[in-house]
Amino acid sequence: MKFADTLKTLPEATGDRLVLTDAAGAEVATIANGPGTAGSFRVYAYLAQQYGAINAEAAAEGLAIFAEHTENATTHPGKHPNIDRLIAILTTGSPLNVRIA
């Protein structure tokens, strides 16, 4: 299934942005709920709701949700930073906490 189709099946997510923090509580990234990143916002919000944090299991599901964009991200590192982050979590096993602001 393509990303756009899968995205339609996820619950709506509200808020202006997601704040991602590491185990020490340091902010490592934000994802705005706006043009160009609303899909990532919705995916990360869904994963946080399902798993409580973005851990390796959540990252694997997220990569499956991003579908064709995951393949593009692996071919072009840096082009899709929100997917790159999921790949890093899957590789390192270091989870990120999520707060919706």
PDB file of N, CA and C in Angstrom:
ATOM      1  N   MET A   1       0.848  -1.171   0.000  1.00  0.00           N
ATOM      2  CA  MET A   1       0.000   0.000   0.000  1.00  0.00           C
ATOM      3  C   MET A   1       0.894   1.235   0.000  1.00  0.00           C
ATOM      4  N   LYS A   2       0.504   2.246  -0.706  1.00  0.00           N
ATOM      5  CA  LYS A   2       1.271   3.491  -0.774  1.00  0.00           C
ATOM      6  C   LYS A   2       1.053   4.324   0.486  1.00  0.00           C
ATOM      7  N   PHE A   3       2.028   5.194   0.749  1.00  0.00           N
ATOM      8  CA  PHE A   3       1.989   6.036   1.942  1.00  0.00           C
ATOM      9  C   PHE A   3       0.690   6.834   2.027  1.00  0.00           C
ATOM     10  N   ALA A   4       0.302   7.482   0.957  1.00  0.00           N
ATOM     11  CA  ALA A   4      -0.909   8.322   0.990  1.00  0.00           C
ATOM     12  C   ALA A   4      -2.142   7.513   1.373  1.00  0.00           C
ATOM     13  N   ASP A   5      -2.215   6.282   0.901  1.00  0.00           N
ATOM     14  CA  ASP A   5      -3.360   5.427   1.232  1.00  0.00           C
ATOM     15  C   ASP A   5      -3.329   5.014   2.699  1.00  0.00           C
ATOM     16  N   THR A   6      -2.161   4.623   3.184  1.00  0.00           N
ATOM     17  CA  THR A   6      -2.030   4.217   4.582  1.00  0.00           C
ATOM     18  C   THR A   6      -2.286   5.393   5.512  1.00  0.00           C
ATOM     19  N   LEU A   7      -1.797   6.570   5.139  1.00  0.00           N
ATOM     20  CA  LEU A   7      -1.971   7.767   5.969  1.00  0.00           C
ATOM     21  C   LEU A   7      -3.455   8.032   6.228  1.00  0.00           C
ATOM     22  N   LYS A   8      -4.283   7.792   5.251  1.00  0.00           N
ATOM     23  CA  LYS A   8      -5.731   8.019   5.396  1.00  0.00           C
ATOM     24  C   LYS A   8      -6.354   7.108   6.444  1.00  0.00           C
ATOM     25  N   THR A   9      -5.712   5.987   6.743  1.00  0.00           N
ATOM     26  CA  THR A   9      -6.259   5.048   7.718  1.00  0.00           C
ATOM     27  C   THR A   9      -5.867   5.388   9.155  1.00  0.00           C
ATOM     28  N   LEU A  10      -4.903   6.303   9.325  1.00  0.00           N
ATOM     29  CA  LEU A  10      -4.448   6.669  10.668  1.00  0.00           C
ATOM     30  C   LEU A  10      -5.392   7.687  11.288  1.00  0.00           C
ATOM     31  N   PRO A  11      -5.518   7.687  12.611  1.00  0.00           N
ATOM     32  CA  PRO A  11      -6.384   8.672  13.254  1.00  0.00           C
ATOM     33  C   PRO A  11      -5.851  10.092  13.050  1.00  0.00           C
ATOM     34  N   GLU A  12      -6.769  11.036  13.026  1.00  0.00           N
ATOM     35  CA  GLU A  12      -6.382  12.442  12.941  1.00  0.00           C
ATOM     36  C   GLU A  12      -5.538  12.790  14.169  1.00  0.00           C
ATOM     37  N   ALA A  13      -4.603  13.687  13.996  1.00  0.00           N
ATOM     38  CA  ALA A  13      -3.757  14.133  15.107  1.00  0.00           C
ATOM     39  C   ALA A  13      -3.850  15.652  15.198  1.00  0.00           C
ATOM     40  N   THR A  14      -3.978  16.156  16.414  1.00  0.00           N
ATOM     41  CA  THR A  14      -4.074  17.598  16.604  1.00  0.00           C
ATOM     42  C   THR A  14      -2.840  18.098  17.336  1.00  0.00           C
ATOM     43  N   GLY A  15      -2.622  19.389  17.256  1.00  0.00           N
ATOM     44  CA  GLY A  15      -1.479  20.032  17.884  1.00  0.00           C
ATOM     45  C   GLY A  15      -0.680  20.777  16.835  1.00  0.00           C
ATOM     46  N   ASP A  16       0.194  21.648  17.287  1.00  0.00           N
ATOM     47  CA  ASP A  16       1.006  22.449  16.375  1.00  0.00           C
ATOM     48  C   ASP A  16       2.285  21.748  15.967  1.00  0.00           C
ATOM     49  N   ARG A  17       2.847  20.968  16.903  1.00  0.00           N
ATOM     50  CA  ARG A  17       4.115  20.307  16.611  1.00  0.00           C
ATOM     51  C   ARG A  17       4.350  19.173  17.595  1.00  0.00           C
ATOM     52  N   LEU A  18       5.212  18.251  17.188  1.00  0.00           N
ATOM     53  CA  LEU A  18       5.680  17.173  18.057  1.00  0.00           C
ATOM     54  C   LEU A  18       7.090  17.528  18.500  1.00  0.00           C
ATOM     55  N   VAL A  19       7.360  17.337  19.763  1.00  0.00           N
ATOM     56  CA  VAL A  19       8.704  17.533  20.287  1.00  0.00           C
ATOM     57  C   VAL A  19       9.246  16.152  20.628  1.00  0.00           C
ATOM     58  N   LEU A  20      10.391  15.805  20.050  1.00  0.00           N
ATOM     59  CA  LEU A  20      11.030  14.514  20.284  1.00  0.00           C
ATOM     60  C   LEU A  20      12.212  14.723  21.219  1.00  0.00           C
ATOM     61  N   THR A  21      12.254  13.927  22.282  1.00  0.00           N
ATOM     62  CA  THR A  21      13.332  14.038  23.256  1.00  0.00           C
ATOM     63  C   THR A  21      14.003  12.685  23.463  1.00  0.00           C
ATOM     64  N   ASP A  22      15.282  12.739  23.830  1.00  0.00           N
ATOM     65  CA  ASP A  22      16.008  11.495  24.093  1.00  0.00           C
ATOM     66  C   ASP A  22      15.773  11.060  25.533  1.00  0.00           C
ATOM     67  N   ALA A  23      16.437   9.988  25.948  1.00  0.00           N
ATOM     68  CA  ALA A  23      16.238   9.422  27.282  1.00  0.00           C
ATOM     69  C   ALA A  23      16.594  10.405  28.392  1.00  0.00           C
ATOM     70  N   ALA A  24      17.501  11.335  28.116  1.00  0.00           N
ATOM     71  CA  ALA A  24      17.902  12.331  29.112  1.00  0.00           C
ATOM     72  C   ALA A  24      16.961  13.532  29.133  1.00  0.00           C
ATOM     73  N   GLY A  25      15.988  13.559  28.221  1.00  0.00           N
ATOM     74  CA  GLY A  25      15.042  14.668  28.162  1.00  0.00           C
ATOM     75  C   GLY A  25      15.466  15.801  27.256  1.00  0.00           C
ATOM     76  N   ALA A  26      16.588  15.640  26.570  1.00  0.00           N
ATOM     77  CA  ALA A  26      17.059  16.690  25.656  1.00  0.00           C
ATOM     78  C   ALA A  26      16.245  16.645  24.360  1.00  0.00           C
ATOM     79  N   GLU A  27      15.843  17.816  23.910  1.00  0.00           N
ATOM     80  CA  GLU A  27      15.092  17.916  22.664  1.00  0.00           C
ATOM     81  C   GLU A  27      16.025  17.602  21.498  1.00  0.00           C
ATOM     82  N   VAL A  28      15.626  16.647  20.661  1.00  0.00           N
ATOM     83  CA  VAL A  28      16.450  16.271  19.515  1.00  0.00           C
ATOM     84  C   VAL A  28      15.835  16.695  18.188  1.00  0.00           C
ATOM     85  N   ALA A  29      14.521  16.919  18.160  1.00  0.00           N
ATOM     86  CA  ALA A  29      13.863  17.333  16.923  1.00  0.00           C
ATOM     87  C   ALA A  29      12.441  17.777  17.218  1.00  0.00           C
ATOM     88  N   THR A  30      11.893  18.517  16.267  1.00  0.00           N
ATOM     89  CA  THR A  30      10.469  18.853  16.291  1.00  0.00           C
ATOM     90  C   THR A  30       9.905  18.561  14.900  1.00  0.00           C
ATOM     91  N   ILE A  31       8.643  18.226  14.869  1.00  0.00           N
ATOM     92  CA  ILE A  31       7.945  18.002  13.598  1.00  0.00           C
ATOM     93  C   ILE A  31       6.692  18.871  13.631  1.00  0.00           C
ATOM     94  N   ALA A  32       6.630  19.835  12.726  1.00  0.00           N
ATOM     95  CA  ALA A  32       5.488  20.738  12.665  1.00  0.00           C
ATOM     96  C   ALA A  32       4.294  20.044  12.037  1.00  0.00           C
ATOM     97  N   ASN A  33       3.115  20.434  12.468  1.00  0.00           N
ATOM     98  CA  ASN A  33       1.872  19.951  11.871  1.00  0.00           C
ATOM     99  C   ASN A  33       1.467  20.975  10.821  1.00  0.00           C
ATOM    100  N   GLY A  34       2.170  20.964   9.713  1.00  0.00           N
ATOM    101  CA  GLY A  34       1.937  21.950   8.667  1.00  0.00           C
ATOM    102  C   GLY A  34       2.355  21.410   7.313  1.00  0.00           C
ATOM    103  N   PRO A  35       2.274  22.256   6.305  1.00  0.00           N
ATOM    104  CA  PRO A  35       2.617  21.836   4.946  1.00  0.00           C
ATOM    105  C   PRO A  35       4.016  21.209   4.889  1.00  0.00           C
ATOM    106  N   GLY A  36       4.095  20.068   4.229  1.00  0.00           N
ATOM    107  CA  GLY A  36       5.370  19.391   4.049  1.00  0.00           C
ATOM    108  C   GLY A  36       5.727  18.404   5.145  1.00  0.00           C
ATOM    109  N   THR A  37       5.141  18.567   6.348  1.00  0.00           N
ATOM    110  CA  THR A  37       5.462  17.658   7.450  1.00  0.00           C
ATOM    111  C   THR A  37       4.216  17.127   8.169  1.00  0.00           C
ATOM    112  N   ALA A  38       3.039  17.491   7.714  1.00  0.00           N
ATOM    113  CA  ALA A  38       1.804  17.045   8.376  1.00  0.00           C
ATOM    114  C   ALA A  38       1.682  15.525   8.361  1.00  0.00           C
ATOM    115  N   GLY A  39       2.132  14.879   7.287  1.00  0.00           N
ATOM    116  CA  GLY A  39       2.085  13.418   7.226  1.00  0.00           C
ATOM    117  C   GLY A  39       2.989  12.795   8.269  1.00  0.00           C
ATOM    118  N   SER A  40       4.205  13.316   8.395  1.00  0.00           N
ATOM    119  CA  SER A  40       5.131  12.813   9.419  1.00  0.00           C
ATOM    120  C   SER A  40       4.578  13.069  10.811  1.00  0.00           C
ATOM    121  N   PHE A  41       3.989  14.236  11.015  1.00  0.00           N
ATOM    122  CA  PHE A  41       3.367  14.568  12.299  1.00  0.00           C
ATOM    123  C   PHE A  41       2.321  13.509  12.652  1.00  0.00           C
ATOM    124  N   ARG A  42       1.485  13.186  11.692  1.00  0.00           N
ATOM    125  CA  ARG A  42       0.404  12.217  11.922  1.00  0.00           C
ATOM    126  C   ARG A  42       0.961  10.816  12.196  1.00  0.00           C
ATOM    127  N   VAL A  43       1.992  10.403  11.457  1.00  0.00           N
ATOM    128  CA  VAL A  43       2.599   9.087  11.671  1.00  0.00           C
ATOM    129  C   VAL A  43       3.241   9.016  13.052  1.00  0.00           C
ATOM    130  N   TYR A  44       4.046   9.992  13.403  1.00  0.00           N
ATOM    131  CA  TYR A  44       4.720   9.980  14.702  1.00  0.00           C
ATOM    132  C   TYR A  44       3.706  10.049  15.847  1.00  0.00           C
ATOM    133  N   ALA A  45       2.647  10.849  15.694  1.00  0.00           N
ATOM    134  CA  ALA A  45       1.614  10.927  16.736  1.00  0.00           C
ATOM    135  C   ALA A  45       0.938   9.571  16.912  1.00  0.00           C
ATOM    136  N   TYR A  46       0.652   8.908  15.817  1.00  0.00           N
ATOM    137  CA  TYR A  46       0.050   7.574  15.862  1.00  0.00           C
ATOM    138  C   TYR A  46       0.985   6.584  16.560  1.00  0.00           C
ATOM    139  N   LEU A  47       2.258   6.594  16.170  1.00  0.00           N
ATOM    140  CA  LEU A  47       3.221   5.665  16.769  1.00  0.00           C
ATOM    141  C   LEU A  47       3.363   5.915  18.270  1.00  0.00           C
ATOM    142  N   ALA A  48       3.411   7.175  18.666  1.00  0.00           N
ATOM    143  CA  ALA A  48       3.529   7.514  20.090  1.00  0.00           C
ATOM    144  C   ALA A  48       2.299   7.028  20.856  1.00  0.00           C
ATOM    145  N   GLN A  49       1.126   7.167  20.248  1.00  0.00           N
ATOM    146  CA  GLN A  49      -0.099   6.716  20.896  1.00  0.00           C
ATOM    147  C   GLN A  49      -0.098   5.193  21.043  1.00  0.00           C
ATOM    148  N   GLN A  50       0.367   4.483  20.029  1.00  0.00           N
ATOM    149  CA  GLN A  50       0.358   3.023  20.040  1.00  0.00           C
ATOM    150  C   GLN A  50       1.429   2.420  20.944  1.00  0.00           C
ATOM    151  N   TYR A  51       2.603   3.039  20.984  1.00  0.00           N
ATOM    152  CA  TYR A  51       3.749   2.439  21.667  1.00  0.00           C
ATOM    153  C   TYR A  51       4.224   3.215  22.897  1.00  0.00           C
ATOM    154  N   GLY A  52       3.713   4.413  23.110  1.00  0.00           N
ATOM    155  CA  GLY A  52       4.130   5.209  24.256  1.00  0.00           C
ATOM    156  C   GLY A  52       5.392   6.010  24.004  1.00  0.00           C
ATOM    157  N   ALA A  53       6.166   5.636  23.013  1.00  0.00           N
ATOM    158  CA  ALA A  53       7.389   6.321  22.607  1.00  0.00           C
ATOM    159  C   ALA A  53       7.740   5.774  21.222  1.00  0.00           C
ATOM    160  N   ILE A  54       8.735   6.372  20.603  1.00  0.00           N
ATOM    161  CA  ILE A  54       9.192   5.849  19.321  1.00  0.00           C
ATOM    162  C   ILE A  54      10.374   4.929  19.619  1.00  0.00           C
ATOM    163  N   ASN A  55      10.053   3.650  19.824  1.00  0.00           N
ATOM    164  CA  ASN A  55      11.077   2.644  20.093  1.00  0.00           C
ATOM    165  C   ASN A  55      11.326   1.860  18.802  1.00  0.00           C
ATOM    166  N   ALA A  56      12.127   0.799  18.892  1.00  0.00           N
ATOM    167  CA  ALA A  56      12.470   0.036  17.687  1.00  0.00           C
ATOM    168  C   ALA A  56      11.230  -0.564  17.027  1.00  0.00           C
ATOM    169  N   GLU A  57      10.300  -1.081  17.815  1.00  0.00           N
ATOM    170  CA  GLU A  57       9.083  -1.665  17.256  1.00  0.00           C
ATOM    171  C   GLU A  57       8.244  -0.599  16.546  1.00  0.00           C
ATOM    172  N   ALA A  58       8.117   0.566  17.170  1.00  0.00           N
ATOM    173  CA  ALA A  58       7.381   1.676  16.561  1.00  0.00           C
ATOM    174  C   ALA A  58       8.082   2.146  15.291  1.00  0.00           C
ATOM    175  N   ALA A  59       9.409   2.219  15.333  1.00  0.00           N
ATOM    176  CA  ALA A  59      10.174   2.656  14.161  1.00  0.00           C
ATOM    177  C   ALA A  59       9.950   1.710  12.989  1.00  0.00           C
ATOM    178  N   ALA A  60       9.933   0.401  13.256  1.00  0.00           N
ATOM    179  CA  ALA A  60       9.703  -0.573  12.189  1.00  0.00           C
ATOM    180  C   ALA A  60       8.320  -0.373  11.573  1.00  0.00           C
ATOM    181  N   GLU A  61       7.308  -0.151  12.404  1.00  0.00           N
ATOM    182  CA  GLU A  61       5.970   0.092  11.862  1.00  0.00           C
ATOM    183  C   GLU A  61       5.943   1.399  11.082  1.00  0.00           C
ATOM    184  N   GLY A  62       6.607   2.421  11.613  1.00  0.00           N
ATOM    185  CA  GLY A  62       6.663   3.704  10.919  1.00  0.00           C
ATOM    186  C   GLY A  62       7.299   3.588   9.542  1.00  0.00           C
ATOM    187  N   LEU A  63       8.371   2.826   9.442  1.00  0.00           N
ATOM    188  CA  LEU A  63       9.017   2.635   8.145  1.00  0.00           C
ATOM    189  C   LEU A  63       8.089   1.920   7.167  1.00  0.00           C
ATOM    190  N   ALA A  64       7.305   0.987   7.669  1.00  0.00           N
ATOM    191  CA  ALA A  64       6.325   0.313   6.814  1.00  0.00           C
ATOM    192  C   ALA A  64       5.235   1.287   6.371  1.00  0.00           C
ATOM    193  N   ILE A  65       4.806   2.166   7.253  1.00  0.00           N
ATOM    194  CA  ILE A  65       3.780   3.155   6.916  1.00  0.00           C
ATOM    195  C   ILE A  65       4.292   4.108   5.840  1.00  0.00           C
ATOM    196  N   PHE A  66       5.539   4.553   5.973  1.00  0.00           N
ATOM    197  CA  PHE A  66       6.098   5.492   4.995  1.00  0.00           C
ATOM    198  C   PHE A  66       6.311   4.848   3.626  1.00  0.00           C
ATOM    199  N   ALA A  67       6.239   3.532   3.559  1.00  0.00           N
ATOM    200  CA  ALA A  67       6.227   2.747   2.319  1.00  0.00           C
ATOM    201  C   ALA A  67       7.293   3.194   1.316  1.00  0.00           C
ATOM    202  N   GLU A  68       6.851   3.694   0.169  1.00  0.00           N
ATOM    203  CA  GLU A  68       7.784   4.049  -0.907  1.00  0.00           C
ATOM    204  C   GLU A  68       8.761   5.149  -0.500  1.00  0.00           C
ATOM    205  N   HIS A  69       8.392   5.971   0.460  1.00  0.00           N
ATOM    206  CA  HIS A  69       9.299   7.028   0.923  1.00  0.00           C
ATOM    207  C   HIS A  69      10.464   6.444   1.720  1.00  0.00           C
ATOM    208  N   THR A  70      10.248   5.296   2.377  1.00  0.00           N
ATOM    209  CA  THR A  70      11.319   4.633   3.113  1.00  0.00           C
ATOM    210  C   THR A  70      12.409   4.180   2.149  1.00  0.00           C
ATOM    211  N   GLU A  71      12.011   3.598   1.049  1.00  0.00           N
ATOM    212  CA  GLU A  71      12.988   3.167   0.041  1.00  0.00           C
ATOM    213  C   GLU A  71      13.768   4.369  -0.486  1.00  0.00           C
ATOM    214  N   ASN A  72      13.078   5.462  -0.751  1.00  0.00           N
ATOM    215  CA  ASN A  72      13.727   6.668  -1.239  1.00  0.00           C
ATOM    216  C   ASN A  72      14.695   7.227  -0.199  1.00  0.00           C
ATOM    217  N   ALA A  73      14.301   7.165   1.071  1.00  0.00           N
ATOM    218  CA  ALA A  73      15.161   7.673   2.145  1.00  0.00           C
ATOM    219  C   ALA A  73      16.429   6.845   2.287  1.00  0.00           C
ATOM    220  N   THR A  74      16.331   5.541   2.103  1.00  0.00           N
ATOM    221  CA  THR A  74      17.528   4.706   2.222  1.00  0.00           C
ATOM    222  C   THR A  74      18.476   4.936   1.047  1.00  0.00           C
ATOM    223  N   THR A  75      17.923   5.283  -0.093  1.00  0.00           N
ATOM    224  CA  THR A  75      18.743   5.573  -1.271  1.00  0.00           C
ATOM    225  C   THR A  75      19.345   6.970  -1.214  1.00  0.00           C
ATOM    226  N   HIS A  76      18.647   7.897  -0.566  1.00  0.00           N
ATOM    227  CA  HIS A  76      19.069   9.298  -0.501  1.00  0.00           C
ATOM    228  C   HIS A  76      19.062   9.796   0.944  1.00  0.00           C
ATOM    229  N   PRO A  77      20.032   9.355   1.762  1.00  0.00           N
ATOM    230  CA  PRO A  77      20.075   9.804   3.167  1.00  0.00           C
ATOM    231  C   PRO A  77      20.066  11.331   3.266  1.00  0.00           C
ATOM    232  N   GLY A  78      19.277  11.832   4.211  1.00  0.00           N
ATOM    233  CA  GLY A  78      19.163  13.275   4.419  1.00  0.00           C
ATOM    234  C   GLY A  78      17.985  13.900   3.706  1.00  0.00           C
ATOM    235  N   LYS A  79      17.438  13.217   2.714  1.00  0.00           N
ATOM    236  CA  LYS A  79      16.301  13.757   1.965  1.00  0.00           C
ATOM    237  C   LYS A  79      15.014  13.719   2.780  1.00  0.00           C
ATOM    238  N   HIS A  80      14.886  12.709   3.644  1.00  0.00           N
ATOM    239  CA  HIS A  80      13.691  12.519   4.464  1.00  0.00           C
ATOM    240  C   HIS A  80      14.120  12.382   5.931  1.00  0.00           C
ATOM    241  N   PRO A  81      14.399  13.482   6.616  1.00  0.00           N
ATOM    242  CA  PRO A  81      14.948  13.384   7.974  1.00  0.00           C
ATOM    243  C   PRO A  81      14.049  12.655   8.977  1.00  0.00           C
ATOM    244  N   ASN A  82      12.742  12.739   8.808  1.00  0.00           N
ATOM    245  CA  ASN A  82      11.858  12.050   9.750  1.00  0.00           C
ATOM    246  C   ASN A  82      11.885  10.537   9.544  1.00  0.00           C
ATOM    247  N   ILE A  83      12.151  10.102   8.337  1.00  0.00           N
ATOM    248  CA  ILE A  83      12.334   8.671   8.073  1.00  0.00           C
ATOM    249  C   ILE A  83      13.737   8.251   8.495  1.00  0.00           C
ATOM    250  N   ASP A  84      14.726   9.086   8.208  1.00  0.00           N
ATOM    251  CA  ASP A  84      16.102   8.800   8.649  1.00  0.00           C
ATOM    252  C   ASP A  84      16.145   8.561  10.156  1.00  0.00           C
ATOM    253  N   ARG A  85      15.364   9.346  10.891  1.00  0.00           N
ATOM    254  CA  ARG A  85      15.321   9.210  12.350  1.00  0.00           C
ATOM    255  C   ARG A  85      14.774   7.840  12.755  1.00  0.00           C
ATOM    256  N   LEU A  86      13.755   7.356  12.058  1.00  0.00           N
ATOM    257  CA  LEU A  86      13.208   6.028  12.357  1.00  0.00           C
ATOM    258  C   LEU A  86      14.228   4.936  12.045  1.00  0.00           C
ATOM    259  N   ILE A  87      14.949   5.090  10.950  1.00  0.00           N
ATOM    260  CA  ILE A  87      15.998   4.131  10.600  1.00  0.00           C
ATOM    261  C   ILE A  87      17.063   4.100  11.695  1.00  0.00           C
ATOM    262  N   ALA A  88      17.443   5.275  12.195  1.00  0.00           N
ATOM    263  CA  ALA A  88      18.447   5.356  13.265  1.00  0.00           C
ATOM    264  C   ALA A  88      17.946   4.683  14.537  1.00  0.00           C
ATOM    265  N   ILE A  89      16.690   4.880  14.876  1.00  0.00           N
ATOM    266  CA  ILE A  89      16.125   4.248  16.080  1.00  0.00           C
ATOM    267  C   ILE A  89      16.132   2.734  15.917  1.00  0.00           C
ATOM    268  N   LEU A  90      15.769   2.263  14.759  1.00  0.00           N
ATOM    269  CA  LEU A  90      15.768   0.822  14.498  1.00  0.00           C
ATOM    270  C   LEU A  90      17.183   0.258  14.588  1.00  0.00           C
ATOM    271  N   THR A  91      18.149   1.020  14.115  1.00  0.00           N
ATOM    272  CA  THR A  91      19.548   0.582  14.120  1.00  0.00           C
ATOM    273  C   THR A  91      20.157   0.605  15.518  1.00  0.00           C
ATOM    274  N   THR A  92      19.907   1.691  16.266  1.00  0.00           N
ATOM    275  CA  THR A  92      20.548   1.863  17.579  1.00  0.00           C
ATOM    276  C   THR A  92      19.735   1.294  18.726  1.00  0.00           C
ATOM    277  N   GLY A  93      18.420   1.229  18.550  1.00  0.00           N
ATOM    278  CA  GLY A  93      17.553   0.796  19.644  1.00  0.00           C
ATOM    279  C   GLY A  93      17.309   1.884  20.666  1.00  0.00           C
ATOM    280  N   SER A  94      17.784   3.102  20.409  1.00  0.00           N
ATOM    281  CA  SER A  94      17.600   4.226  21.346  1.00  0.00           C
ATOM    282  C   SER A  94      16.277   4.918  21.048  1.00  0.00           C
ATOM    283  N   PRO A  95      15.299   4.790  21.942  1.00  0.00           N
ATOM    284  CA  PRO A  95      13.970   5.365  21.682  1.00  0.00           C
ATOM    285  C   PRO A  95      13.934   6.879  21.880  1.00  0.00           C
ATOM    286  N   LEU A  96      12.892   7.478  21.342  1.00  0.00           N
ATOM    287  CA  LEU A  96      12.628   8.889  21.553  1.00  0.00           C
ATOM    288  C   LEU A  96      11.244   9.033  22.176  1.00  0.00           C
ATOM    289  N   ASN A  97      11.146   9.964  23.102  1.00  0.00           N
ATOM    290  CA  ASN A  97       9.851  10.295  23.702  1.00  0.00           C
ATOM    291  C   ASN A  97       9.193  11.368  22.873  1.00  0.00           C
ATOM    292  N   VAL A  98       7.881  11.419  22.905  1.00  0.00           N
ATOM    293  CA  VAL A  98       7.116  12.345  22.076  1.00  0.00           C
ATOM    294  C   VAL A  98       6.182  13.161  22.960  1.00  0.00           C
ATOM    295  N   ARG A  99       6.185  14.467  22.714  1.00  0.00           N
ATOM    296  CA  ARG A  99       5.243  15.369  23.388  1.00  0.00           C
ATOM    297  C   ARG A  99       4.607  16.225  22.303  1.00  0.00           C
ATOM    298  N   ILE A 100       3.292  16.312  22.313  1.00  0.00           N
ATOM    299  CA  ILE A 100       2.583  17.159  21.351  1.00  0.00           C
ATOM    300  C   ILE A 100       2.385  18.526  21.977  1.00  0.00           C
ATOM    301  N   ALA A 101       2.819  19.537  21.266  1.00  0.00           N
ATOM    302  CA  ALA A 101       2.713  20.921  21.779  1.00  0.00           C
ATOM    303  C   ALA A 101       1.728  21.721  20.930  1.00  0.00           C
TER     304      ALA A 101
END
